[in-house]
Amino acid sequence: MGIGGISIWELLIILVIVILLFGTKKLTNIGSDLGSAIKNFRSSMREGEQAAEQAEKSAIAADDKMKEEVIEGQVMRKETKSQI
């Protein structure tokens, strides 16, 4: 028994029918288009990850720079008089 109750022979018959309907050239084009789409998707994912890492590094560098530029001073609190 094959996938989902379909035997290997039934899968081969379906494959032959698909090849007869579309032809091998069209199936080759579809396969290459699908492969290039997956390749472009993976490269886009890598670029996105690299951009996120670079943004994180720049945010950390900005935080470090802010820590170095802290100016000490006196904090004054303004008190209000309340009527009771």
N, C-alpha and C. Protein backbone atom coordinates (compact mmCIF):
# COMPACT_ATOMS: atom_id res chain seq x y z
N MET A 1 0.84 -1.17 0.00
CA MET A 1 0.00 0.00 0.00
C MET A 1 0.89 1.25 0.00
N GLY A 2 0.53 2.25 -0.74
CA GLY A 2 1.34 3.46 -0.87
C GLY A 2 0.83 4.58 0.01
N ILE A 3 0.91 5.76 -0.50
CA ILE A 3 0.53 6.96 0.23
C ILE A 3 -0.99 7.09 0.24
N GLY A 4 -1.58 7.14 1.42
CA GLY A 4 -3.02 7.36 1.55
C GLY A 4 -3.87 6.32 0.85
N GLY A 5 -3.40 5.10 0.77
CA GLY A 5 -4.19 4.05 0.15
C GLY A 5 -3.98 3.95 -1.35
N ILE A 6 -3.08 4.73 -1.92
CA ILE A 6 -2.81 4.67 -3.36
C ILE A 6 -1.54 3.85 -3.55
N SER A 7 -1.62 2.83 -4.39
CA SER A 7 -0.45 1.98 -4.61
C SER A 7 0.54 2.66 -5.55
N ILE A 8 1.72 2.08 -5.64
CA ILE A 8 2.78 2.64 -6.49
C ILE A 8 2.37 2.61 -7.96
N TRP A 9 1.61 1.59 -8.36
CA TRP A 9 1.19 1.49 -9.76
C TRP A 9 0.21 2.60 -10.13
N GLU A 10 -0.68 2.91 -9.20
CA GLU A 10 -1.62 4.01 -9.46
C GLU A 10 -0.89 5.34 -9.57
N LEU A 11 0.14 5.54 -8.72
CA LEU A 11 0.94 6.76 -8.81
C LEU A 11 1.67 6.86 -10.15
N LEU A 12 2.18 5.73 -10.63
CA LEU A 12 2.87 5.73 -11.93
C LEU A 12 1.90 6.05 -13.07
N ILE A 13 0.68 5.52 -13.00
CA ILE A 13 -0.32 5.81 -14.04
C ILE A 13 -0.66 7.30 -14.03
N ILE A 14 -0.82 7.87 -12.84
CA ILE A 14 -1.10 9.31 -12.74
C ILE A 14 0.07 10.12 -13.32
N LEU A 15 1.30 9.70 -13.03
CA LEU A 15 2.49 10.39 -13.57
C LEU A 15 2.50 10.33 -15.09
N VAL A 16 2.18 9.20 -15.67
CA VAL A 16 2.15 9.06 -17.14
C VAL A 16 1.08 9.98 -17.72
N ILE A 17 -0.08 10.05 -17.09
CA ILE A 17 -1.15 10.92 -17.60
C ILE A 17 -0.73 12.38 -17.54
N VAL A 18 -0.08 12.77 -16.45
CA VAL A 18 0.39 14.16 -16.32
C VAL A 18 1.42 14.48 -17.39
N ILE A 19 2.34 13.55 -17.65
CA ILE A 19 3.36 13.76 -18.68
C ILE A 19 2.70 13.87 -20.06
N LEU A 20 1.69 13.06 -20.33
CA LEU A 20 0.99 13.13 -21.62
C LEU A 20 0.23 14.44 -21.77
N LEU A 21 -0.35 14.93 -20.69
CA LEU A 21 -1.12 16.18 -20.77
C LEU A 21 -0.22 17.40 -20.94
N PHE A 22 0.82 17.48 -20.15
CA PHE A 22 1.65 18.69 -20.14
C PHE A 22 2.90 18.58 -20.99
N GLY A 23 3.42 17.40 -21.18
CA GLY A 23 4.65 17.23 -21.93
C GLY A 23 5.85 17.42 -21.01
N THR A 24 6.95 16.82 -21.40
CA THR A 24 8.14 16.86 -20.55
C THR A 24 8.77 18.25 -20.52
N LYS A 25 8.69 18.99 -21.63
CA LYS A 25 9.31 20.32 -21.67
C LYS A 25 8.61 21.27 -20.69
N LYS A 26 7.29 21.23 -20.67
CA LYS A 26 6.55 22.10 -19.77
C LYS A 26 6.81 21.71 -18.32
N LEU A 27 6.88 20.41 -18.03
CA LEU A 27 7.17 19.95 -16.67
C LEU A 27 8.59 20.36 -16.26
N THR A 28 9.53 20.33 -17.19
CA THR A 28 10.89 20.77 -16.90
C THR A 28 10.91 22.26 -16.58
N ASN A 29 10.16 23.05 -17.35
CA ASN A 29 10.08 24.49 -17.09
C ASN A 29 9.45 24.77 -15.73
N ILE A 30 8.40 24.02 -15.41
CA ILE A 30 7.74 24.21 -14.11
C ILE A 30 8.71 23.86 -12.98
N GLY A 31 9.46 22.78 -13.15
CA GLY A 31 10.43 22.37 -12.14
C GLY A 31 11.53 23.39 -11.95
N SER A 32 12.03 23.93 -13.05
CA SER A 32 13.11 24.93 -12.93
C SER A 32 12.58 26.24 -12.34
N ASP A 33 11.35 26.61 -12.70
CA ASP A 33 10.75 27.81 -12.11
C ASP A 33 10.54 27.64 -10.61
N LEU A 34 10.09 26.48 -10.22
CA LEU A 34 9.89 26.20 -8.80
C LEU A 34 11.23 26.22 -8.06
N GLY A 35 12.25 25.64 -8.66
CA GLY A 35 13.59 25.64 -8.04
C GLY A 35 14.15 27.04 -7.88
N SER A 36 13.98 27.87 -8.90
CA SER A 36 14.49 29.25 -8.80
C SER A 36 13.69 30.06 -7.79
N ALA A 37 12.40 29.78 -7.67
CA ALA A 37 11.59 30.48 -6.68
C ALA A 37 12.03 30.12 -5.26
N ILE A 38 12.32 28.85 -5.03
CA ILE A 38 12.81 28.42 -3.72
C ILE A 38 14.17 29.03 -3.43
N LYS A 39 15.04 29.09 -4.44
CA LYS A 39 16.37 29.68 -4.27
C LYS A 39 16.25 31.17 -3.92
N ASN A 40 15.39 31.89 -4.60
CA ASN A 40 15.20 33.31 -4.31
C ASN A 40 14.61 33.52 -2.92
N PHE A 41 13.69 32.65 -2.51
CA PHE A 41 13.11 32.74 -1.18
C PHE A 41 14.17 32.54 -0.11
N ARG A 42 15.01 31.55 -0.28
CA ARG A 42 16.08 31.29 0.70
C ARG A 42 17.05 32.45 0.78
N SER A 43 17.43 33.02 -0.37
CA SER A 43 18.37 34.15 -0.34
C SER A 43 17.72 35.37 0.31
N SER A 44 16.43 35.57 0.09
CA SER A 44 15.73 36.68 0.75
C SER A 44 15.68 36.47 2.25
N MET A 45 15.47 35.24 2.69
CA MET A 45 15.45 34.94 4.12
C MET A 45 16.82 35.22 4.74
N ARG A 46 17.90 34.83 4.04
CA ARG A 46 19.25 35.09 4.55
C ARG A 46 19.51 36.58 4.64
N GLU A 47 19.09 37.34 3.62
CA GLU A 47 19.28 38.79 3.65
C GLU A 47 18.51 39.43 4.80
N GLY A 48 17.30 38.94 5.05
CA GLY A 48 16.50 39.45 6.15
C GLY A 48 17.15 39.16 7.50
N GLU A 49 17.70 37.95 7.65
CA GLU A 49 18.39 37.60 8.89
C GLU A 49 19.63 38.46 9.09
N GLN A 50 20.38 38.70 8.01
CA GLN A 50 21.58 39.53 8.11
C GLN A 50 21.21 40.96 8.46
N ALA A 51 20.13 41.47 7.88
CA ALA A 51 19.70 42.84 8.19
C ALA A 51 19.26 42.95 9.65
N ALA A 52 18.59 41.92 10.15
CA ALA A 52 18.15 41.92 11.55
C ALA A 52 19.35 41.87 12.49
N GLU A 53 20.34 41.06 12.16
CA GLU A 53 21.56 40.98 12.97
C GLU A 53 22.29 42.32 12.97
N GLN A 54 22.38 42.94 11.80
CA GLN A 54 23.06 44.23 11.70
C GLN A 54 22.31 45.31 12.48
N ALA A 55 20.99 45.30 12.43
CA ALA A 55 20.20 46.27 13.18
C ALA A 55 20.38 46.06 14.69
N GLU A 56 20.45 44.80 15.09
CA GLU A 56 20.65 44.50 16.51
C GLU A 56 22.03 44.99 16.97
N LYS A 57 23.05 44.77 16.13
CA LYS A 57 24.40 45.23 16.49
C LYS A 57 24.46 46.75 16.57
N SER A 58 23.79 47.43 15.65
CA SER A 58 23.82 48.89 15.69
C SER A 58 23.04 49.42 16.89
N ALA A 59 21.97 48.72 17.29
CA ALA A 59 21.21 49.13 18.47
C ALA A 59 22.05 48.95 19.74
N ILE A 60 22.79 47.86 19.81
CA ILE A 60 23.67 47.63 20.95
C ILE A 60 24.76 48.68 21.00
N ALA A 61 25.33 49.02 19.84
CA ALA A 61 26.37 50.05 19.79
C ALA A 61 25.81 51.40 20.22
N ALA A 62 24.59 51.72 19.82
CA ALA A 62 23.96 52.99 20.20
C ALA A 62 23.72 53.02 21.71
N ASP A 63 23.30 51.90 22.29
CA ASP A 63 23.10 51.82 23.74
C ASP A 63 24.41 52.03 24.48
N ASP A 64 25.47 51.40 23.97
CA ASP A 64 26.78 51.56 24.60
C ASP A 64 27.24 53.02 24.52
N LYS A 65 26.98 53.65 23.40
CA LYS A 65 27.39 55.04 23.23
C LYS A 65 26.60 55.94 24.19
N MET A 66 25.32 55.67 24.36
CA MET A 66 24.50 56.46 25.28
C MET A 66 24.98 56.29 26.72
N LYS A 67 25.40 55.10 27.09
CA LYS A 67 25.88 54.86 28.44
C LYS A 67 27.14 55.67 28.72
N GLU A 68 27.96 55.85 27.70
CA GLU A 68 29.19 56.61 27.86
C GLU A 68 28.93 58.10 27.98
N GLU A 69 27.80 58.60 27.48
CA GLU A 69 27.52 60.02 27.45
C GLU A 69 26.57 60.48 28.55
N VAL A 70 26.43 59.68 29.62
CA VAL A 70 25.54 60.07 30.70
C VAL A 70 26.15 61.23 31.46
N ILE A 71 25.36 62.25 31.66
CA ILE A 71 25.82 63.43 32.39
C ILE A 71 25.19 63.39 33.77
N GLU A 72 26.03 63.48 34.78
CA GLU A 72 25.51 63.46 36.13
C GLU A 72 24.98 64.83 36.49
N GLY A 73 23.93 64.85 37.22
CA GLY A 73 23.35 66.12 37.61
C GLY A 73 22.44 65.94 38.81
N GLN A 74 21.83 67.01 39.22
CA GLN A 74 20.96 66.98 40.38
C GLN A 74 19.51 66.96 39.90
N VAL A 75 18.74 66.06 40.49
CA VAL A 75 17.34 65.95 40.13
C VAL A 75 16.54 66.73 41.16
N MET A 76 15.74 67.64 40.69
CA MET A 76 14.92 68.47 41.57
C MET A 76 13.47 68.02 41.41
N ARG A 77 12.78 67.90 42.54
CA ARG A 77 11.39 67.51 42.50
C ARG A 77 10.56 68.72 42.92
N LYS A 78 9.56 69.01 42.18
CA LYS A 78 8.69 70.13 42.46
C LYS A 78 7.51 69.61 43.28
N GLU A 79 7.36 70.11 44.46
CA GLU A 79 6.27 69.67 45.32
C GLU A 79 5.12 70.64 45.24
N THR A 80 3.94 70.11 45.25
CA THR A 80 2.76 70.97 45.20
C THR A 80 2.08 70.97 46.56
N LYS A 81 1.48 72.07 46.90
CA LYS A 81 0.77 72.17 48.16
C LYS A 81 -0.67 71.72 47.93
N SER A 82 -1.11 70.83 48.74
CA SER A 82 -2.50 70.37 48.61
C SER A 82 -3.32 70.95 49.74
N GLN A 83 -4.54 71.25 49.45
CA GLN A 83 -5.44 71.82 50.46
C GLN A 83 -6.29 70.70 51.05
N ILE A 84 -6.30 70.64 52.37
CA ILE A 84 -7.09 69.62 53.04
C ILE A 84 -8.17 70.27 53.85
